[in-house]
């Protein structure tokens, strides 16, 4: 078919090039409207289809591509990378948010760990082990000891929805009730799921790799050698022997973490450096001190609702029994994990557990 014949047949069929395109200013205003909502996630092909189907506009795909590149250059650049972009964590400075959570990987052996991390500096505020991290009084005591030590209240406290955080949350909201900022009073505590408490949840990963994996394997080895069966008595004995040694290790790791250097990450909005330096010198890292000074006499008002010192093993009767046996056998207090294992086996044999 010749070109002349093709043109004649197209003319007879009434088929011509499209000329009724929507004016450019209308297309631009419509694209701008879409960019204010979920349409900001669309590429130029999807945007072109949206304009045609949703708004009945007659547009060229190339025109939409050029309009998008002019109106949303950042979005075009992001989509060109073909990489999923997660929401970034942002904090204005130290003591703006404290993230509190419990660590249960050692609970099968009777050891519960609780920790708190500052959101801006990633400084570990406390890292304690004990017989329970489900007791509201225990968590509140950790919180009050930390606030007393630093003399600062965080602007916001972030925890999961566990009942163990109730007393701590109530004390924190009471201490923040006289402040005039937007997070004062009841707004100063925020509940949420554990998976979204990202600061401390991500820190638990490093904590296991660098510290608790050793203890999990050590206690698992005791279980495989039939020296630990998970009973209440065995858990109490393990806590009595190991808790002081484990707490010493946790203190060492806390100090090690707080003085190590956090390397910069391109996807992160938070500063890099040593947590201790970022906490005490936030102005060097583009932050500001967000905490609130609290007088010591105000903190003492809550002494009556805080629990007294708990026994080392979590059972007063067994604590007395183990102490008497240790004194009778003249066993020295363990100073490391090897002597702790020896003491554990010795006391286990003496008690007949």
Protein backbone atom coordinates (compact mmCIF):
# COMPACT_ATOMS: atom_id res chain seq x y z
CA UNK A 1 0.00 0.00 0.00
CA UNK A 2 1.36 3.36 -1.00
CA UNK A 3 1.52 6.33 1.34
CA UNK A 4 -1.04 8.16 -0.79
CA UNK A 5 -3.49 5.26 -0.49
CA UNK A 6 -2.95 5.05 3.29
CA UNK A 7 -3.67 8.74 3.75
CA UNK A 8 -6.81 8.50 1.60
CA UNK A 9 -8.18 5.57 3.58
CA UNK A 10 -7.43 7.28 6.93
CA UNK A 11 -9.27 10.35 5.67
CA UNK A 12 -12.24 8.27 4.52
CA UNK A 13 -12.38 6.62 7.99
CA UNK A 14 -12.25 10.00 9.72
CA UNK A 15 -9.01 9.13 11.51
CA UNK A 16 -6.69 12.06 12.17
CA UNK A 17 -3.98 12.97 14.65
CA UNK A 18 -5.31 13.96 18.09
CA UNK A 19 -5.34 17.70 18.52
CA UNK A 20 -7.75 18.20 21.44
CA UNK A 21 -5.14 17.96 24.20
CA UNK A 22 -5.95 19.44 27.59
CA UNK A 23 -4.32 22.85 28.16
CA UNK A 24 -1.00 22.66 29.99
CA UNK A 25 -2.05 24.90 32.89
CA UNK A 26 -4.95 22.56 33.71
CA UNK A 27 -2.63 19.55 33.61
CA UNK A 28 -0.13 21.28 35.89
CA UNK A 29 -2.79 22.24 38.45
CA UNK A 30 -4.18 18.69 38.43
CA UNK A 31 -0.74 17.13 38.90
CA UNK A 32 -0.04 19.59 41.72
CA UNK A 33 -3.26 18.51 43.40
CA UNK A 34 -2.28 14.84 43.11
CA UNK A 35 1.18 15.54 44.53
CA UNK A 36 -0.41 16.81 47.75
CA UNK A 37 -1.72 13.32 48.50
CA UNK A 38 -0.80 9.74 47.73
CA UNK A 39 -0.17 10.72 44.12
CA UNK A 40 3.29 11.87 45.15
CA UNK A 41 4.29 8.20 45.06
CA UNK A 42 3.36 7.77 41.37
CA UNK A 43 5.78 7.77 38.47
CA UNK A 44 5.00 9.58 35.24
CA UNK A 45 3.37 6.52 33.62
CA UNK A 46 1.00 5.96 36.53
CA UNK A 47 0.37 9.69 36.82
CA UNK A 48 -0.53 9.84 33.12
CA UNK A 49 -2.99 6.98 33.54
CA UNK A 50 -4.49 8.67 36.61
CA UNK A 51 -5.01 11.91 34.70
CA UNK A 52 -6.74 10.06 31.88
CA UNK A 53 -8.98 7.79 33.97
CA UNK A 54 -9.69 9.86 37.07
CA UNK A 55 -9.84 13.35 35.55
CA UNK A 56 -10.67 12.50 31.90
CA UNK A 57 -7.81 14.64 30.65
CA UNK A 58 -6.19 14.18 27.27
CA UNK A 59 -2.45 14.30 27.86
CA UNK A 60 0.78 13.11 26.35
CA UNK A 61 2.96 10.88 28.48
CA UNK A 62 6.09 12.87 27.66
CA UNK A 63 4.38 16.07 28.76
CA UNK A 64 3.47 14.48 32.11
CA UNK A 65 7.06 13.30 32.50
CA UNK A 66 8.43 16.82 32.04
CA UNK A 67 5.79 18.33 34.34
CA UNK A 68 6.62 15.83 37.10
CA UNK A 69 10.36 16.44 36.77
CA UNK A 70 9.71 20.15 37.22
CA UNK A 71 7.15 19.93 40.06
CA UNK A 72 8.62 17.00 42.02
CA UNK A 73 12.35 16.64 41.28
CA UNK A 74 13.05 14.98 44.64
CA UNK A 75 10.41 12.31 44.04
CA UNK A 76 11.72 11.63 40.53
CA UNK A 77 15.25 11.24 41.88
CA UNK A 78 14.06 8.91 44.65
CA UNK A 79 12.13 6.68 42.24
CA UNK A 80 15.09 6.48 39.87
CA UNK A 81 17.08 4.75 42.63
CA UNK A 82 14.45 1.98 42.75
CA UNK A 83 15.00 1.61 46.48
CA UNK A 84 12.42 1.30 49.23
CA UNK A 85 12.67 4.33 51.51
CA UNK A 86 11.80 3.84 55.16
CA UNK A 87 10.69 6.57 57.49
CA UNK A 88 13.60 8.21 59.24
CA UNK A 89 13.99 8.61 62.98
CA UNK A 90 14.39 12.22 64.08
CA UNK A 91 15.11 13.69 67.49
CA UNK A 92 15.87 17.28 68.41
CA UNK A 93 18.34 16.43 71.13
CA UNK A 94 19.20 14.33 74.18
CA UNK A 95 16.42 13.64 76.68
CA UNK A 96 13.70 14.35 74.17
CA UNK A 97 12.68 10.68 74.10
CA UNK A 98 13.77 7.78 76.29
CA UNK A 99 12.99 4.33 74.92
CA UNK A 100 12.39 1.66 77.58
CA UNK A 101 12.00 -2.07 77.01
CA UNK A 102 12.64 -5.46 78.56
CA UNK A 103 14.85 -8.24 77.23
CA UNK A 104 13.47 -11.76 77.69
CA UNK A 105 16.02 -14.00 75.95
CA UNK A 106 17.48 -15.06 79.32
CA UNK A 107 14.11 -15.52 81.01
CA UNK A 108 14.08 -19.31 80.50
CA UNK A 109 16.99 -19.30 82.95
CA UNK A 110 15.34 -16.92 85.41
CA UNK A 111 17.20 -13.74 84.41
CA UNK A 112 15.28 -10.67 83.23
CA UNK A 113 16.94 -7.57 81.77
CA UNK A 114 15.60 -4.03 81.45
CA UNK A 115 17.18 -1.17 79.53
CA UNK A 116 16.59 2.41 78.45
CA UNK A 117 18.15 4.20 75.46
CA UNK A 118 18.18 7.92 74.70
CA UNK A 119 16.77 8.47 71.22
CA UNK A 120 19.12 11.24 70.05
CA UNK A 121 22.50 10.09 71.34
CA UNK A 122 21.74 6.34 71.60
CA UNK A 123 23.27 6.50 75.08
CA UNK A 124 22.23 3.59 77.30
CA UNK A 125 20.65 5.22 80.34
CA UNK A 126 20.32 2.01 82.34
CA UNK A 127 20.95 -1.67 81.76
CA UNK A 128 19.96 -3.84 84.71
CA UNK A 129 19.30 -7.51 85.33
CA UNK A 130 17.18 -9.09 88.04
CA UNK A 131 14.62 -11.73 88.81
CA UNK A 132 11.84 -9.89 86.96
CA UNK A 133 11.24 -7.15 84.43
CA UNK A 134 7.45 -7.55 84.65
CA UNK A 135 7.09 -5.98 88.09
CA UNK A 136 5.96 -2.33 87.77
CA UNK A 137 7.81 -1.48 90.97
CA UNK A 138 11.11 -2.78 89.61
CA UNK A 139 10.88 -0.78 86.37
CA UNK A 140 9.82 2.34 88.28
CA UNK A 141 12.81 1.90 90.59
CA UNK A 142 15.19 1.69 87.61
CA UNK A 143 13.63 4.87 86.20
CA UNK A 144 13.86 6.81 89.45
CA UNK A 145 17.47 5.76 90.01
CA UNK A 146 18.34 6.95 86.50
CA UNK A 147 16.55 10.29 86.89
CA UNK A 148 18.24 10.80 90.26
CA UNK A 149 21.66 10.03 88.80
CA UNK A 150 21.37 12.39 85.83
CA UNK A 151 19.09 15.01 87.39
CA UNK A 152 17.13 15.22 84.13
CA UNK A 153 13.62 14.27 83.08
CA UNK A 154 13.06 13.27 79.46
CA UNK A 155 10.47 15.24 77.56
CA UNK A 156 8.81 11.99 76.48
CA UNK A 157 8.95 8.38 77.59
CA UNK A 158 8.33 5.64 75.01
CA UNK A 159 7.38 2.11 76.11
CA UNK A 160 5.34 -0.82 74.92
CA UNK A 161 1.90 -1.60 76.31
CA UNK A 162 3.01 -3.96 79.07
CA UNK A 163 1.60 -3.52 82.57
CA UNK A 164 5.13 -3.36 83.97
CA UNK A 165 5.43 0.20 82.66
CA UNK A 166 2.34 1.57 84.41
CA UNK A 167 3.95 2.85 87.62
CA UNK A 168 6.88 4.38 85.76
CA UNK A 169 4.53 6.11 83.31
CA UNK A 170 2.40 7.49 86.14
CA UNK A 171 5.44 8.86 87.99
CA UNK A 172 6.84 10.40 84.83
CA UNK A 173 3.55 12.11 83.93
CA UNK A 174 3.25 13.41 87.49
CA UNK A 175 6.76 14.87 87.38
CA UNK A 176 6.01 16.50 84.02
CA UNK A 177 2.60 17.86 85.00
CA UNK A 178 3.88 21.32 86.01
CA UNK A 179 5.74 21.98 82.77
CA UNK A 180 4.22 24.17 80.07
CA UNK A 181 5.38 22.50 76.85
CA UNK A 182 3.14 20.60 74.45
CA UNK A 183 4.25 17.23 75.85
CA UNK A 184 3.59 18.13 79.48
CA UNK A 185 1.49 15.95 81.73
CA UNK A 186 -0.20 12.89 80.26
CA UNK A 187 1.25 13.59 76.81
CA UNK A 188 4.78 12.98 78.11
CA UNK A 189 4.36 9.21 77.95
CA UNK A 190 3.71 7.33 74.74
CA UNK A 191 2.57 3.72 74.44
CA UNK A 192 3.16 1.69 71.30
CA UNK A 193 3.99 -1.74 69.97
CA UNK A 194 7.41 -3.22 70.61
CA UNK A 195 8.17 -3.38 66.90
CA UNK A 196 7.77 0.38 66.54
CA UNK A 197 9.96 1.15 69.56
CA UNK A 198 12.78 1.09 67.06
CA UNK A 199 15.61 2.74 68.97
CA UNK A 200 15.89 0.11 71.68
CA UNK A 201 14.66 -2.77 69.53
CA UNK A 202 17.53 -2.21 67.10
CA UNK A 203 19.92 -1.90 70.04
CA UNK A 204 18.89 -5.33 71.36
CA UNK A 205 20.35 -6.83 68.17
CA UNK A 206 23.81 -5.44 68.91
CA UNK A 207 23.41 -6.37 72.56
CA UNK A 208 22.83 -10.02 71.72
CA UNK A 209 25.65 -10.25 69.20
CA UNK A 210 28.20 -8.67 71.51
CA UNK A 211 27.13 -9.85 74.96
CA UNK A 212 24.13 -12.05 75.73
CA UNK A 213 24.79 -14.75 73.15
CA UNK A 214 27.65 -15.97 75.37
CA UNK A 215 25.37 -16.20 78.41
CA UNK A 216 22.60 -17.93 76.48
CA UNK A 217 25.06 -20.59 75.36
CA UNK A 218 26.56 -20.89 78.85
CA UNK A 219 23.21 -21.45 80.55
CA UNK A 220 22.07 -23.74 77.73
CA UNK A 221 25.19 -25.82 78.32
CA UNK A 222 24.25 -26.17 82.00
CA UNK A 223 20.82 -27.37 80.93
CA UNK A 224 22.24 -29.88 78.46
CA UNK A 225 24.53 -31.24 81.18
CA UNK A 226 21.42 -31.75 83.36
CA UNK A 227 22.65 -29.15 85.85
CA UNK A 228 19.65 -26.90 85.23
CA UNK A 229 16.06 -28.02 84.74
CA UNK A 230 14.14 -24.73 84.75
CA UNK A 231 12.52 -25.25 88.16
CA UNK A 232 11.96 -22.39 90.58
CA UNK A 233 14.76 -23.60 92.84
CA UNK A 234 17.24 -23.91 89.98
CA UNK A 235 16.38 -20.44 88.70
CA UNK A 236 16.83 -18.98 92.17
CA UNK A 237 20.20 -20.69 92.58
CA UNK A 238 21.35 -19.50 89.15
CA UNK A 239 20.34 -15.93 89.98
CA UNK A 240 22.01 -16.10 93.40
CA UNK A 241 25.31 -17.17 91.86
CA UNK A 242 25.35 -15.38 88.51
CA UNK A 243 23.46 -12.10 88.87
CA UNK A 244 26.31 -10.05 90.35
CA UNK A 245 28.72 -11.34 87.71
CA UNK A 246 26.21 -10.70 84.94
CA UNK A 247 25.41 -7.19 86.22
CA UNK A 248 29.11 -6.39 86.20
CA UNK A 249 29.25 -7.52 82.57
CA UNK A 250 26.22 -5.39 81.72
CA UNK A 251 27.81 -2.34 83.34
CA UNK A 252 30.98 -2.92 81.33
CA UNK A 253 29.02 -3.25 78.11
CA UNK A 254 26.98 -0.13 78.87
CA UNK A 255 30.17 1.88 79.36
CA UNK A 256 31.70 0.32 76.25
CA UNK A 257 28.67 1.20 74.14
CA UNK A 258 28.42 4.74 75.47
CA UNK A 259 32.04 5.47 74.54
CA UNK A 260 32.22 3.73 71.16
CA UNK A 261 31.86 5.63 67.88
CA UNK A 262 28.65 5.31 65.89
CA UNK A 263 29.53 5.61 62.23
CA UNK A 264 27.52 7.87 59.93
CA UNK A 265 24.76 6.27 57.86
CA UNK A 266 23.42 7.89 54.70
CA UNK A 267 19.82 6.90 55.39
CA UNK A 268 19.89 8.22 58.98
CA UNK A 269 18.85 11.71 60.04
CA UNK A 270 20.54 11.37 63.43
CA UNK A 271 24.13 12.42 64.14
CA UNK A 272 27.09 10.10 64.39
CA UNK A 273 29.76 10.02 67.07
CA UNK A 274 30.19 8.78 70.62
CA UNK A 275 26.90 8.48 72.54
CA UNK A 276 28.44 9.99 75.66
CA UNK A 277 29.64 13.05 73.74
CA UNK A 278 26.37 13.45 71.84
CA UNK A 279 24.43 13.30 75.10
CA UNK A 280 26.47 15.90 76.99
CA UNK A 281 27.48 18.14 74.03
CA UNK A 282 24.44 18.15 71.74
CA UNK A 283 25.23 21.57 70.25
CA UNK A 284 28.22 20.04 68.48
CA UNK A 285 25.91 17.64 66.67
CA UNK A 286 23.12 19.99 65.69
CA UNK A 287 20.93 19.23 68.69
CA UNK A 288 19.84 20.88 71.90
CA UNK A 289 19.21 19.76 75.45
CA UNK A 290 15.54 18.75 75.65
CA UNK A 291 15.42 17.49 79.23
CA UNK A 292 13.98 19.14 82.32
CA UNK A 293 15.85 19.67 85.56
CA UNK A 294 14.17 18.06 88.55
CA UNK A 295 14.99 18.83 92.22
CA UNK A 296 15.98 15.88 94.37
CA UNK A 297 13.40 16.71 97.05
CA UNK A 298 10.61 16.22 94.51
CA UNK A 299 11.94 12.80 93.60
CA UNK A 300 11.90 11.72 97.25
CA UNK A 301 8.12 12.17 97.30
CA UNK A 302 7.81 8.87 95.44
CA UNK A 303 10.01 6.82 97.77
CA UNK A 304 6.99 5.31 99.50
CA UNK A 305 5.59 3.72 96.35
CA UNK A 306 8.91 2.24 95.24
CA UNK A 307 9.72 -1.30 96.38
CA UNK A 308 12.40 -2.09 98.90
CA UNK A 309 15.55 -3.89 97.83
CA UNK A 310 14.75 -7.32 96.45
CA UNK A 311 16.68 -10.44 97.37
CA UNK A 312 19.34 -11.49 94.90
CA UNK A 313 17.69 -14.74 93.89
CA UNK A 314 14.07 -13.52 94.07
CA UNK A 315 13.06 -15.76 97.00
CA UNK A 316 13.85 -14.63 100.56
CA UNK A 317 13.79 -18.13 102.04
CA UNK A 318 16.08 -19.62 99.42
CA UNK A 319 18.30 -16.55 99.67
CA UNK A 320 18.89 -17.24 103.38
CA UNK A 321 19.44 -20.94 102.68
CA UNK A 322 22.00 -20.34 99.94
CA UNK A 323 23.80 -17.72 102.03
CA UNK A 324 24.12 -20.13 104.98
CA UNK A 325 25.44 -22.91 102.75
CA UNK A 326 27.92 -20.54 101.15
CA UNK A 327 29.14 -19.42 104.56
CA UNK A 328 29.42 -22.97 105.88
CA UNK A 329 31.43 -24.16 102.89
CA UNK A 330 33.51 -20.95 102.89
CA UNK A 331 32.85 -20.44 99.21
CA UNK A 332 34.20 -17.10 97.93
CA UNK A 333 31.85 -14.90 95.96
CA UNK A 334 32.30 -15.50 92.22
CA UNK A 335 34.23 -12.86 90.32
CA UNK A 336 33.79 -14.22 86.78
CA UNK A 337 31.73 -16.77 84.91
CA UNK A 338 34.12 -19.68 85.56
CA UNK A 339 34.05 -19.30 89.35
CA UNK A 340 30.30 -18.72 89.14
CA UNK A 341 29.84 -22.07 87.38
CA UNK A 342 31.96 -23.79 90.03
CA UNK A 343 29.93 -22.20 92.84
CA UNK A 344 26.68 -23.10 91.12
CA UNK A 345 27.62 -26.77 90.85
CA UNK A 346 28.91 -26.85 94.43
CA UNK A 347 25.79 -25.26 95.92
CA UNK A 348 23.54 -27.42 93.75
CA UNK A 349 25.18 -30.57 95.07
CA UNK A 350 25.02 -29.31 98.66
CA UNK A 351 21.31 -28.53 98.43
CA UNK A 352 20.50 -31.74 96.58
CA UNK A 353 18.59 -29.92 93.85
